[in-house]
Amino acid sequence: VTEAERLRAGAAGRNKGQSISDEQKLKVLAEEIRALSALA
């Protein structure tokens, strides 16, 4: 997620629009929550 935002930096990046859709945000959060829960 951090790198996706970095790759959009600058004038060329702004033309690339939203890097993470709402559907992808849900999937990102799902994997974060799954990992953090397993790590207590």
PDB file of all heavy atoms in Angstrom:
ATOM      1  N   VAL A   1       0.841  -1.200   0.000  1.00  0.00           N
ATOM      2  CA  VAL A   1       0.000   0.000   0.000  1.00  0.00           C
ATOM      3  C   VAL A   1       0.881   1.257   0.000  1.00  0.00           C
ATOM      4  O   VAL A   1       0.639   2.208  -0.751  1.00  0.00           O
ATOM      5  CB  VAL A   1      -0.947   0.000   1.210  1.00  0.00           C
ATOM      6  CG1 VAL A   1      -1.660   1.338   1.341  1.00  0.00           C
ATOM      7  CG2 VAL A   1      -1.960  -1.132   1.085  1.00  0.00           C
ATOM      8  N   THR A   2       1.925   1.246   0.827  1.00  0.00           N
ATOM      9  CA  THR A   2       2.834   2.395   0.895  1.00  0.00           C
ATOM     10  C   THR A   2       3.518   2.629  -0.445  1.00  0.00           C
ATOM     11  O   THR A   2       3.615   3.764  -0.935  1.00  0.00           O
ATOM     12  CB  THR A   2       3.895   2.167   1.984  1.00  0.00           C
ATOM     13  OG1 THR A   2       3.245   1.994   3.239  1.00  0.00           O
ATOM     14  CG2 THR A   2       4.852   3.340   2.074  1.00  0.00           C
ATOM     15  N   GLU A   3       3.974   1.542  -1.072  1.00  0.00           N
ATOM     16  CA  GLU A   3       4.675   1.680  -2.345  1.00  0.00           C
ATOM     17  C   GLU A   3       3.731   2.118  -3.453  1.00  0.00           C
ATOM     18  O   GLU A   3       4.115   2.884  -4.343  1.00  0.00           O
ATOM     19  CB  GLU A   3       5.351   0.363  -2.729  1.00  0.00           C
ATOM     20  CG  GLU A   3       6.256   0.505  -3.937  1.00  0.00           C
ATOM     21  CD  GLU A   3       7.095  -0.732  -4.206  1.00  0.00           C
ATOM     22  OE1 GLU A   3       7.005  -1.710  -3.435  1.00  0.00           O
ATOM     23  OE2 GLU A   3       7.846  -0.710  -5.205  1.00  0.00           O
ATOM     24  N   ALA A   4       2.485   1.651  -3.409  1.00  0.00           N
ATOM     25  CA  ALA A   4       1.516   2.071  -4.419  1.00  0.00           C
ATOM     26  C   ALA A   4       1.321   3.576  -4.382  1.00  0.00           C
ATOM     27  O   ALA A   4       1.240   4.232  -5.430  1.00  0.00           O
ATOM     28  CB  ALA A   4       0.180   1.365  -4.194  1.00  0.00           C
ATOM     29  N   GLU A   5       1.271   4.130  -3.172  1.00  0.00           N
ATOM     30  CA  GLU A   5       1.128   5.581  -3.061  1.00  0.00           C
ATOM     31  C   GLU A   5       2.391   6.296  -3.553  1.00  0.00           C
ATOM     32  O   GLU A   5       2.313   7.335  -4.208  1.00  0.00           O
ATOM     33  CB  GLU A   5       0.849   5.963  -1.602  1.00  0.00           C
ATOM     34  CG  GLU A   5      -0.496   5.463  -1.079  1.00  0.00           C
ATOM     35  CD  GLU A   5      -1.667   6.028  -1.872  1.00  0.00           C
ATOM     36  OE1 GLU A   5      -1.530   7.137  -2.439  1.00  0.00           O
ATOM     37  OE2 GLU A   5      -2.717   5.371  -1.934  1.00  0.00           O
ATOM     38  N   ARG A   6       3.564   5.719  -3.274  1.00  0.00           N
ATOM     39  CA  ARG A   6       4.815   6.334  -3.724  1.00  0.00           C
ATOM     40  C   ARG A   6       4.923   6.302  -5.241  1.00  0.00           C
ATOM     41  O   ARG A   6       5.384   7.271  -5.871  1.00  0.00           O
ATOM     42  CB  ARG A   6       6.004   5.598  -3.106  1.00  0.00           C
ATOM     43  CG  ARG A   6       7.361   6.187  -3.494  1.00  0.00           C
ATOM     44  CD  ARG A   6       8.501   5.393  -2.892  1.00  0.00           C
ATOM     45  NE  ARG A   6       8.541   4.022  -3.360  1.00  0.00           N
ATOM     46  CZ  ARG A   6       8.987   3.655  -4.561  1.00  0.00           C
ATOM     47  NH1 ARG A   6       9.397   4.564  -5.442  1.00  0.00           N
ATOM     48  NH2 ARG A   6       9.006   2.391  -4.904  1.00  0.00           N
ATOM     49  N   LEU A   7       4.494   5.203  -5.860  1.00  0.00           N
ATOM     50  CA  LEU A   7       4.579   5.071  -7.304  1.00  0.00           C
ATOM     51  C   LEU A   7       3.659   6.060  -8.028  1.00  0.00           C
ATOM     52  O   LEU A   7       3.835   6.328  -9.208  1.00  0.00           O
ATOM     53  CB  LEU A   7       4.220   3.640  -7.728  1.00  0.00           C
ATOM     54  CG  LEU A   7       5.263   2.569  -7.387  1.00  0.00           C
ATOM     55  CD1 LEU A   7       4.686   1.182  -7.575  1.00  0.00           C
ATOM     56  CD2 LEU A   7       6.514   2.744  -8.233  1.00  0.00           C
ATOM     57  N   ARG A   8       2.691   6.583  -7.303  1.00  0.00           N
ATOM     58  CA  ARG A   8       1.783   7.566  -7.882  1.00  0.00           C
ATOM     59  C   ARG A   8       2.266   8.997  -7.654  1.00  0.00           C
ATOM     60  O   ARG A   8       1.597   9.954  -8.046  1.00  0.00           O
ATOM     61  CB  ARG A   8       0.384   7.416  -7.282  1.00  0.00           C
ATOM     62  CG  ARG A   8      -0.321   6.138  -7.686  1.00  0.00           C
ATOM     63  CD  ARG A   8      -1.647   5.993  -6.956  1.00  0.00           C
ATOM     64  NE  ARG A   8      -2.564   7.068  -7.338  1.00  0.00           N
ATOM     65  CZ  ARG A   8      -2.907   8.074  -6.548  1.00  0.00           C
ATOM     66  NH1 ARG A   8      -2.384   8.184  -5.340  1.00  0.00           N
ATOM     67  NH2 ARG A   8      -3.755   8.995  -6.956  1.00  0.00           N
ATOM     68  N   ALA A   9       3.396   9.162  -6.999  1.00  0.00           N
ATOM     69  CA  ALA A   9       3.877  10.511  -6.673  1.00  0.00           C
ATOM     70  C   ALA A   9       4.254  11.268  -7.935  1.00  0.00           C
ATOM     71  O   ALA A   9       4.690  10.694  -8.927  1.00  0.00           O
ATOM     72  CB  ALA A   9       5.069  10.420  -5.736  1.00  0.00           C
ATOM     73  N   GLY A  10       4.089  12.584  -7.886  1.00  0.00           N
ATOM     74  CA  GLY A  10       4.485  13.430  -9.013  1.00  0.00           C
ATOM     75  C   GLY A  10       3.378  13.579 -10.043  1.00  0.00           C
ATOM     76  O   GLY A  10       2.294  13.043  -9.911  1.00  0.00           O
ATOM     77  N   ALA A  11       3.691  14.333 -11.095  1.00  0.00           N
ATOM     78  CA  ALA A  11       2.684  14.660 -12.111  1.00  0.00           C
ATOM     79  C   ALA A  11       2.161  13.417 -12.821  1.00  0.00           C
ATOM     80  O   ALA A  11       0.968  13.270 -13.059  1.00  0.00           O
ATOM     81  CB  ALA A  11       3.282  15.628 -13.129  1.00  0.00           C
ATOM     82  N   ALA A  12       3.072  12.491 -13.171  1.00  0.00           N
ATOM     83  CA  ALA A  12       2.628  11.282 -13.863  1.00  0.00           C
ATOM     84  C   ALA A  12       1.736  10.443 -12.977  1.00  0.00           C
ATOM     85  O   ALA A  12       0.735   9.889 -13.416  1.00  0.00           O
ATOM     86  CB  ALA A  12       3.840  10.450 -14.304  1.00  0.00           C
ATOM     87  N   GLY A  13       2.089  10.370 -11.688  1.00  0.00           N
ATOM     88  CA  GLY A  13       1.301   9.571 -10.767  1.00  0.00           C
ATOM     89  C   GLY A  13      -0.102  10.103 -10.587  1.00  0.00           C
ATOM     90  O   GLY A  13      -1.051   9.339 -10.444  1.00  0.00           O
ATOM     91  N   ARG A  14      -0.253  11.411 -10.605  1.00  0.00           N
ATOM     92  CA  ARG A  14      -1.588  11.981 -10.403  1.00  0.00           C
ATOM     93  C   ARG A  14      -2.548  11.562 -11.506  1.00  0.00           C
ATOM     94  O   ARG A  14      -3.747  11.484 -11.304  1.00  0.00           O
ATOM     95  CB  ARG A  14      -1.496  13.510 -10.318  1.00  0.00           C
ATOM     96  CG  ARG A  14      -0.978  13.999  -8.962  1.00  0.00           C
ATOM     97  CD  ARG A  14      -1.234  15.488  -8.797  1.00  0.00           C
ATOM     98  NE  ARG A  14      -0.429  16.291  -9.718  1.00  0.00           N
ATOM     99  CZ  ARG A  14       0.806  16.707  -9.443  1.00  0.00           C
ATOM    100  NH1 ARG A  14       1.375  16.377  -8.295  1.00  0.00           N
ATOM    101  NH2 ARG A  14       1.477  17.440 -10.321  1.00  0.00           N
ATOM    102  N   ASN A  15      -2.009  11.276 -12.680  1.00  0.00           N
ATOM    103  CA  ASN A  15      -2.861  10.826 -13.777  1.00  0.00           C
ATOM    104  C   ASN A  15      -3.360   9.393 -13.588  1.00  0.00           C
ATOM    105  O   ASN A  15      -4.241   8.946 -14.304  1.00  0.00           O
ATOM    106  CB  ASN A  15      -2.098  10.901 -15.109  1.00  0.00           C
ATOM    107  CG  ASN A  15      -1.783  12.326 -15.499  1.00  0.00           C
ATOM    108  OD1 ASN A  15      -2.529  13.233 -15.167  1.00  0.00           O
ATOM    109  ND2 ASN A  15      -0.677  12.518 -16.204  1.00  0.00           N
ATOM    110  N   LYS A  16      -2.766   8.705 -12.635  1.00  0.00           N
ATOM    111  CA  LYS A  16      -3.133   7.305 -12.441  1.00  0.00           C
ATOM    112  C   LYS A  16      -4.358   7.132 -11.548  1.00  0.00           C
ATOM    113  O   LYS A  16      -4.841   6.031 -11.363  1.00  0.00           O
ATOM    114  CB  LYS A  16      -1.951   6.525 -11.864  1.00  0.00           C
ATOM    115  CG  LYS A  16      -0.771   6.454 -12.824  1.00  0.00           C
ATOM    116  CD  LYS A  16       0.418   5.757 -12.213  1.00  0.00           C
ATOM    117  CE  LYS A  16       1.595   5.774 -13.188  1.00  0.00           C
ATOM    118  NZ  LYS A  16       2.797   5.191 -12.625  1.00  0.00           N
ATOM    119  N   GLY A  17      -4.859   8.215 -10.983  1.00  0.00           N
ATOM    120  CA  GLY A  17      -6.101   8.134 -10.227  1.00  0.00           C
ATOM    121  C   GLY A  17      -5.944   7.424  -8.897  1.00  0.00           C
ATOM    122  O   GLY A  17      -4.856   7.288  -8.355  1.00  0.00           O
ATOM    123  N   GLN A  18      -7.075   6.931  -8.380  1.00  0.00           N
ATOM    124  CA  GLN A  18      -7.089   6.265  -7.080  1.00  0.00           C
ATOM    125  C   GLN A  18      -6.345   4.933  -7.185  1.00  0.00           C
ATOM    126  O   GLN A  18      -6.670   4.104  -8.012  1.00  0.00           O
ATOM    127  CB  GLN A  18      -8.549   6.018  -6.652  1.00  0.00           C
ATOM    128  CG  GLN A  18      -8.690   5.361  -5.286  1.00  0.00           C
ATOM    129  CD  GLN A  18     -10.135   4.993  -5.001  1.00  0.00           C
ATOM    130  OE1 GLN A  18     -10.932   4.883  -5.909  1.00  0.00           O
ATOM    131  NE2 GLN A  18     -10.449   4.794  -3.746  1.00  0.00           N
ATOM    132  N   SER A  19      -5.343   4.749  -6.335  1.00  0.00           N
ATOM    133  CA  SER A  19      -4.540   3.527  -6.448  1.00  0.00           C
ATOM    134  C   SER A  19      -5.208   2.330  -5.801  1.00  0.00           C
ATOM    135  O   SER A  19      -4.965   1.199  -6.194  1.00  0.00           O
ATOM    136  CB  SER A  19      -3.167   3.746  -5.809  1.00  0.00           C
ATOM    137  OG  SER A  19      -3.305   4.028  -4.435  1.00  0.00           O
ATOM    138  N   ILE A  20      -6.047   2.564  -4.822  1.00  0.00           N
ATOM    139  CA  ILE A  20      -6.666   1.466  -4.100  1.00  0.00           C
ATOM    140  C   ILE A  20      -8.179   1.680  -4.092  1.00  0.00           C
ATOM    141  O   ILE A  20      -8.681   2.639  -3.517  1.00  0.00           O
ATOM    142  CB  ILE A  20      -6.150   1.376  -2.650  1.00  0.00           C
ATOM    143  CG1 ILE A  20      -4.623   1.367  -2.628  1.00  0.00           C
ATOM    144  CG2 ILE A  20      -6.680   0.126  -1.967  1.00  0.00           C
ATOM    145  CD1 ILE A  20      -4.042   1.368  -1.245  1.00  0.00           C
ATOM    146  N   SER A  21      -8.894   0.767  -4.726  1.00  0.00           N
ATOM    147  CA  SER A  21     -10.353   0.861  -4.747  1.00  0.00           C
ATOM    148  C   SER A  21     -10.906   0.444  -3.384  1.00  0.00           C
ATOM    149  O   SER A  21     -10.205  -0.153  -2.559  1.00  0.00           O
ATOM    150  CB  SER A  21     -10.918  -0.056  -5.833  1.00  0.00           C
ATOM    151  OG  SER A  21     -10.666  -1.408  -5.504  1.00  0.00           O
ATOM    152  N   ASP A  22     -12.179   0.735  -3.151  1.00  0.00           N
ATOM    153  CA  ASP A  22     -12.803   0.343  -1.882  1.00  0.00           C
ATOM    154  C   ASP A  22     -12.792  -1.171  -1.718  1.00  0.00           C
ATOM    155  O   ASP A  22     -12.618  -1.679  -0.606  1.00  0.00           O
ATOM    156  CB  ASP A  22     -14.240   0.871  -1.822  1.00  0.00           C
ATOM    157  CG  ASP A  22     -14.293   2.384  -1.634  1.00  0.00           C
ATOM    158  OD1 ASP A  22     -13.273   2.960  -1.207  1.00  0.00           O
ATOM    159  OD2 ASP A  22     -15.343   2.985  -1.918  1.00  0.00           O
ATOM    160  N   GLU A  23     -12.987  -1.896  -2.821  1.00  0.00           N
ATOM    161  CA  GLU A  23     -12.956  -3.358  -2.742  1.00  0.00           C
ATOM    162  C   GLU A  23     -11.579  -3.843  -2.290  1.00  0.00           C
ATOM    163  O   GLU A  23     -11.467  -4.756  -1.462  1.00  0.00           O
ATOM    164  CB  GLU A  23     -13.290  -3.961  -4.113  1.00  0.00           C
ATOM    165  CG  GLU A  23     -14.704  -3.723  -4.588  1.00  0.00           C
ATOM    166  CD  GLU A  23     -14.884  -2.377  -5.283  1.00  0.00           C
ATOM    167  OE1 GLU A  23     -13.919  -1.563  -5.287  1.00  0.00           O
ATOM    168  OE2 GLU A  23     -15.974  -2.128  -5.822  1.00  0.00           O
ATOM    169  N   GLN A  24     -10.529  -3.212  -2.825  1.00  0.00           N
ATOM    170  CA  GLN A  24      -9.175  -3.596  -2.433  1.00  0.00           C
ATOM    171  C   GLN A  24      -8.889  -3.205  -0.991  1.00  0.00           C
ATOM    172  O   GLN A  24      -8.204  -3.942  -0.274  1.00  0.00           O
ATOM    173  CB  GLN A  24      -8.157  -2.949  -3.363  1.00  0.00           C
ATOM    174  CG  GLN A  24      -8.143  -3.562  -4.750  1.00  0.00           C
ATOM    175  CD  GLN A  24      -7.165  -2.859  -5.660  1.00  0.00           C
ATOM    176  OE1 GLN A  24      -7.127  -1.638  -5.721  1.00  0.00           O
ATOM    177  NE2 GLN A  24      -6.361  -3.622  -6.378  1.00  0.00           N
ATOM    178  N   LYS A  25      -9.404  -2.057  -0.557  1.00  0.00           N
ATOM    179  CA  LYS A  25      -9.206  -1.652   0.840  1.00  0.00           C
ATOM    180  C   LYS A  25      -9.766  -2.695   1.793  1.00  0.00           C
ATOM    181  O   LYS A  25      -9.159  -3.009   2.825  1.00  0.00           O
ATOM    182  CB  LYS A  25      -9.863  -0.300   1.098  1.00  0.00           C
ATOM    183  CG  LYS A  25      -9.130   0.883   0.481  1.00  0.00           C
ATOM    184  CD  LYS A  25      -9.901   2.180   0.693  1.00  0.00           C
ATOM    185  CE  LYS A  25      -9.231   3.343  -0.045  1.00  0.00           C
ATOM    186  NZ  LYS A  25     -10.024   4.586   0.051  1.00  0.00           N
ATOM    187  N   LEU A  26     -10.937  -3.247   1.449  1.00  0.00           N
ATOM    188  CA  LEU A  26     -11.524  -4.295   2.293  1.00  0.00           C
ATOM    189  C   LEU A  26     -10.602  -5.516   2.357  1.00  0.00           C
ATOM    190  O   LEU A  26     -10.408  -6.106   3.425  1.00  0.00           O
ATOM    191  CB  LEU A  26     -12.891  -4.708   1.746  1.00  0.00           C
ATOM    192  CG  LEU A  26     -14.073  -3.798   2.072  1.00  0.00           C
ATOM    193  CD1 LEU A  26     -15.307  -4.240   1.302  1.00  0.00           C
ATOM    194  CD2 LEU A  26     -14.365  -3.790   3.571  1.00  0.00           C
ATOM    195  N   LYS A  27     -10.024  -5.889   1.217  1.00  0.00           N
ATOM    196  CA  LYS A  27      -9.131  -7.051   1.190  1.00  0.00           C
ATOM    197  C   LYS A  27      -7.841  -6.778   1.956  1.00  0.00           C
ATOM    198  O   LYS A  27      -7.321  -7.658   2.652  1.00  0.00           O
ATOM    199  CB  LYS A  27      -8.820  -7.442  -0.258  1.00  0.00           C
ATOM    200  CG  LYS A  27     -10.015  -7.996  -1.017  1.00  0.00           C
ATOM    201  CD  LYS A  27      -9.611  -8.338  -2.441  1.00  0.00           C
ATOM    202  CE  LYS A  27     -10.772  -8.871  -3.241  1.00  0.00           C
ATOM    203  NZ  LYS A  27     -10.403  -9.195  -4.623  1.00  0.00           N
ATOM    204  N   VAL A  28      -7.315  -5.556   1.814  1.00  0.00           N
ATOM    205  CA  VAL A  28      -6.121  -5.172   2.576  1.00  0.00           C
ATOM    206  C   VAL A  28      -6.391  -5.283   4.063  1.00  0.00           C
ATOM    207  O   VAL A  28      -5.614  -5.885   4.821  1.00  0.00           O
ATOM    208  CB  VAL A  28      -5.698  -3.724   2.209  1.00  0.00           C
ATOM    209  CG1 VAL A  28      -4.691  -3.187   3.219  1.00  0.00           C
ATOM    210  CG2 VAL A  28      -5.102  -3.676   0.802  1.00  0.00           C
ATOM    211  N   LEU A  29      -7.516  -4.713   4.506  1.00  0.00           N
ATOM    212  CA  LEU A  29      -7.862  -4.744   5.933  1.00  0.00           C
ATOM    213  C   LEU A  29      -8.082  -6.172   6.410  1.00  0.00           C
ATOM    214  O   LEU A  29      -7.711  -6.520   7.537  1.00  0.00           O
ATOM    215  CB  LEU A  29      -9.116  -3.897   6.173  1.00  0.00           C
ATOM    216  CG  LEU A  29      -8.907  -2.384   6.024  1.00  0.00           C
ATOM    217  CD1 LEU A  29     -10.248  -1.655   5.960  1.00  0.00           C
ATOM    218  CD2 LEU A  29      -8.072  -1.832   7.178  1.00  0.00           C
ATOM    219  N   ALA A  30      -8.668  -7.006   5.557  1.00  0.00           N
ATOM    220  CA  ALA A  30      -8.903  -8.403   5.941  1.00  0.00           C
ATOM    221  C   ALA A  30      -7.592  -9.108   6.255  1.00  0.00           C
ATOM    222  O   ALA A  30      -7.481  -9.826   7.272  1.00  0.00           O
ATOM    223  CB  ALA A  30      -9.641  -9.140   4.824  1.00  0.00           C
ATOM    224  N   GLU A  31      -6.575  -8.921   5.395  1.00  0.00           N
ATOM    225  CA  GLU A  31      -5.299  -9.600   5.625  1.00  0.00           C
ATOM    226  C   GLU A  31      -4.547  -9.000   6.810  1.00  0.00           C
ATOM    227  O   GLU A  31      -3.871  -9.722   7.549  1.00  0.00           O
ATOM    228  CB  GLU A  31      -4.444  -9.575   4.358  1.00  0.00           C
ATOM    229  CG  GLU A  31      -5.064 -10.309   3.181  1.00  0.00           C
ATOM    230  CD  GLU A  31      -5.589 -11.693   3.540  1.00  0.00           C
ATOM    231  OE1 GLU A  31      -4.897 -12.440   4.263  1.00  0.00           O
ATOM    232  OE2 GLU A  31      -6.700 -12.033   3.093  1.00  0.00           O
ATOM    233  N   GLU A  32      -4.653  -7.696   7.003  1.00  0.00           N
ATOM    234  CA  GLU A  32      -4.045  -7.075   8.180  1.00  0.00           C
ATOM    235  C   GLU A  32      -4.674  -7.629   9.456  1.00  0.00           C
ATOM    236  O   GLU A  32      -3.969  -8.003  10.405  1.00  0.00           O
ATOM    237  CB  GLU A  32      -4.234  -5.560   8.135  1.00  0.00           C
ATOM    238  CG  GLU A  32      -3.283  -4.819   7.228  1.00  0.00           C
ATOM    239  CD  GLU A  32      -3.326  -3.321   7.469  1.00  0.00           C
ATOM    240  OE1 GLU A  32      -2.554  -2.843   8.323  1.00  0.00           O
ATOM    241  OE2 GLU A  32      -4.135  -2.634   6.813  1.00  0.00           O
ATOM    242  N   ILE A  33      -6.000  -7.656   9.486  1.00  0.00           N
ATOM    243  CA  ILE A  33      -6.711  -8.136  10.687  1.00  0.00           C
ATOM    244  C   ILE A  33      -6.389  -9.604  10.944  1.00  0.00           C
ATOM    245  O   ILE A  33      -6.150 -10.012  12.088  1.00  0.00           O
ATOM    246  CB  ILE A  33      -8.228  -7.924  10.525  1.00  0.00           C
ATOM    247  CG1 ILE A  33      -8.552  -6.423  10.569  1.00  0.00           C
ATOM    248  CG2 ILE A  33      -9.010  -8.665  11.612  1.00  0.00           C
ATOM    249  CD1 ILE A  33      -9.961  -6.081  10.119  1.00  0.00           C
ATOM    250  N   ARG A  34      -6.355 -10.396   9.887  1.00  0.00           N
ATOM    251  CA  ARG A  34      -6.043 -11.830  10.051  1.00  0.00           C
ATOM    252  C   ARG A  34      -4.654 -12.018  10.635  1.00  0.00           C
ATOM    253  O   ARG A  34      -4.458 -12.824  11.553  1.00  0.00           O
ATOM    254  CB  ARG A  34      -6.160 -12.518   8.698  1.00  0.00           C
ATOM    255  CG  ARG A  34      -5.963 -14.021   8.743  1.00  0.00           C
ATOM    256  CD  ARG A  34      -6.172 -14.612   7.355  1.00  0.00           C
ATOM    257  NE  ARG A  34      -5.929 -16.051   7.332  1.00  0.00           N
ATOM    258  CZ  ARG A  34      -5.947 -16.780   6.219  1.00  0.00           C
ATOM    259  NH1 ARG A  34      -6.220 -16.209   5.063  1.00  0.00           N
ATOM    260  NH2 ARG A  34      -5.706 -18.089   6.275  1.00  0.00           N
ATOM    261  N   ALA A  35      -3.673 -11.273  10.117  1.00  0.00           N
ATOM    262  CA  ALA A  35      -2.300 -11.401  10.604  1.00  0.00           C
ATOM    263  C   ALA A  35      -2.181 -10.920  12.048  1.00  0.00           C
ATOM    264  O   ALA A  35      -1.585 -11.597  12.901  1.00  0.00           O
ATOM    265  CB  ALA A  35      -1.356 -10.614   9.708  1.00  0.00           C
ATOM    266  N   LEU A  36      -2.752  -9.760  12.346  1.00  0.00           N
ATOM    267  CA  LEU A  36      -2.652  -9.198  13.709  1.00  0.00           C
ATOM    268  C   LEU A  36      -3.350 -10.083  14.733  1.00  0.00           C
ATOM    269  O   LEU A  36      -2.869 -10.236  15.868  1.00  0.00           O
ATOM    270  CB  LEU A  36      -3.252  -7.788  13.724  1.00  0.00           C
ATOM    271  CG  LEU A  36      -2.441  -6.713  12.996  1.00  0.00           C
ATOM    272  CD1 LEU A  36      -3.266  -5.447  12.823  1.00  0.00           C
ATOM    273  CD2 LEU A  36      -1.142  -6.405  13.739  1.00  0.00           C
ATOM    274  N   SER A  37      -4.486 -10.667  14.347  1.00  0.00           N
ATOM    275  CA  SER A  37      -5.194 -11.562  15.272  1.00  0.00           C
ATOM    276  C   SER A  37      -4.349 -12.785  15.584  1.00  0.00           C
ATOM    277  O   SER A  37      -4.252 -13.211  16.738  1.00  0.00           O
ATOM    278  CB  SER A  37      -6.534 -11.992  14.664  1.00  0.00           C
ATOM    279  OG  SER A  37      -7.356 -10.889  14.432  1.00  0.00           O
ATOM    280  N   ALA A  38      -3.728 -13.351  14.555  1.00  0.00           N
ATOM    281  CA  ALA A  38      -2.883 -14.529  14.769  1.00  0.00           C
ATOM    282  C   ALA A  38      -1.671 -14.192  15.621  1.00  0.00           C
ATOM    283  O   ALA A  38      -1.163 -15.056  16.359  1.00  0.00           O
ATOM    284  CB  ALA A  38      -2.437 -15.096  13.421  1.00  0.00           C
ATOM    285  N   LEU A  39      -1.217 -12.942  15.552  1.00  0.00           N
ATOM    286  CA  LEU A  39      -0.058 -12.501  16.337  1.00  0.00           C
ATOM    287  C   LEU A  39      -0.461 -11.964  17.718  1.00  0.00           C
ATOM    288  O   LEU A  39       0.395 -11.456  18.448  1.00  0.00           O
ATOM    289  CB  LEU A  39       0.703 -11.411  15.561  1.00  0.00           C
ATOM    290  CG  LEU A  39       1.342 -11.868  14.238  1.00  0.00           C
ATOM    291  CD1 LEU A  39       1.787 -10.664  13.417  1.00  0.00           C
ATOM    292  CD2 LEU A  39       2.515 -12.812  14.494  1.00  0.00           C
ATOM    293  N   ALA A  40      -1.766 -12.067  18.030  1.00  0.00           N
ATOM    294  CA  ALA A  40      -2.293 -11.629  19.337  1.00  0.00           C
ATOM    295  C   ALA A  40      -2.022 -10.140  19.597  1.00  0.00           C
ATOM    296  O   ALA A  40      -1.692  -9.745  20.705  1.00  0.00           O
ATOM    297  CB  ALA A  40      -1.713 -12.491  20.464  1.00  0.00           C
TER     298      ALA A  40
END
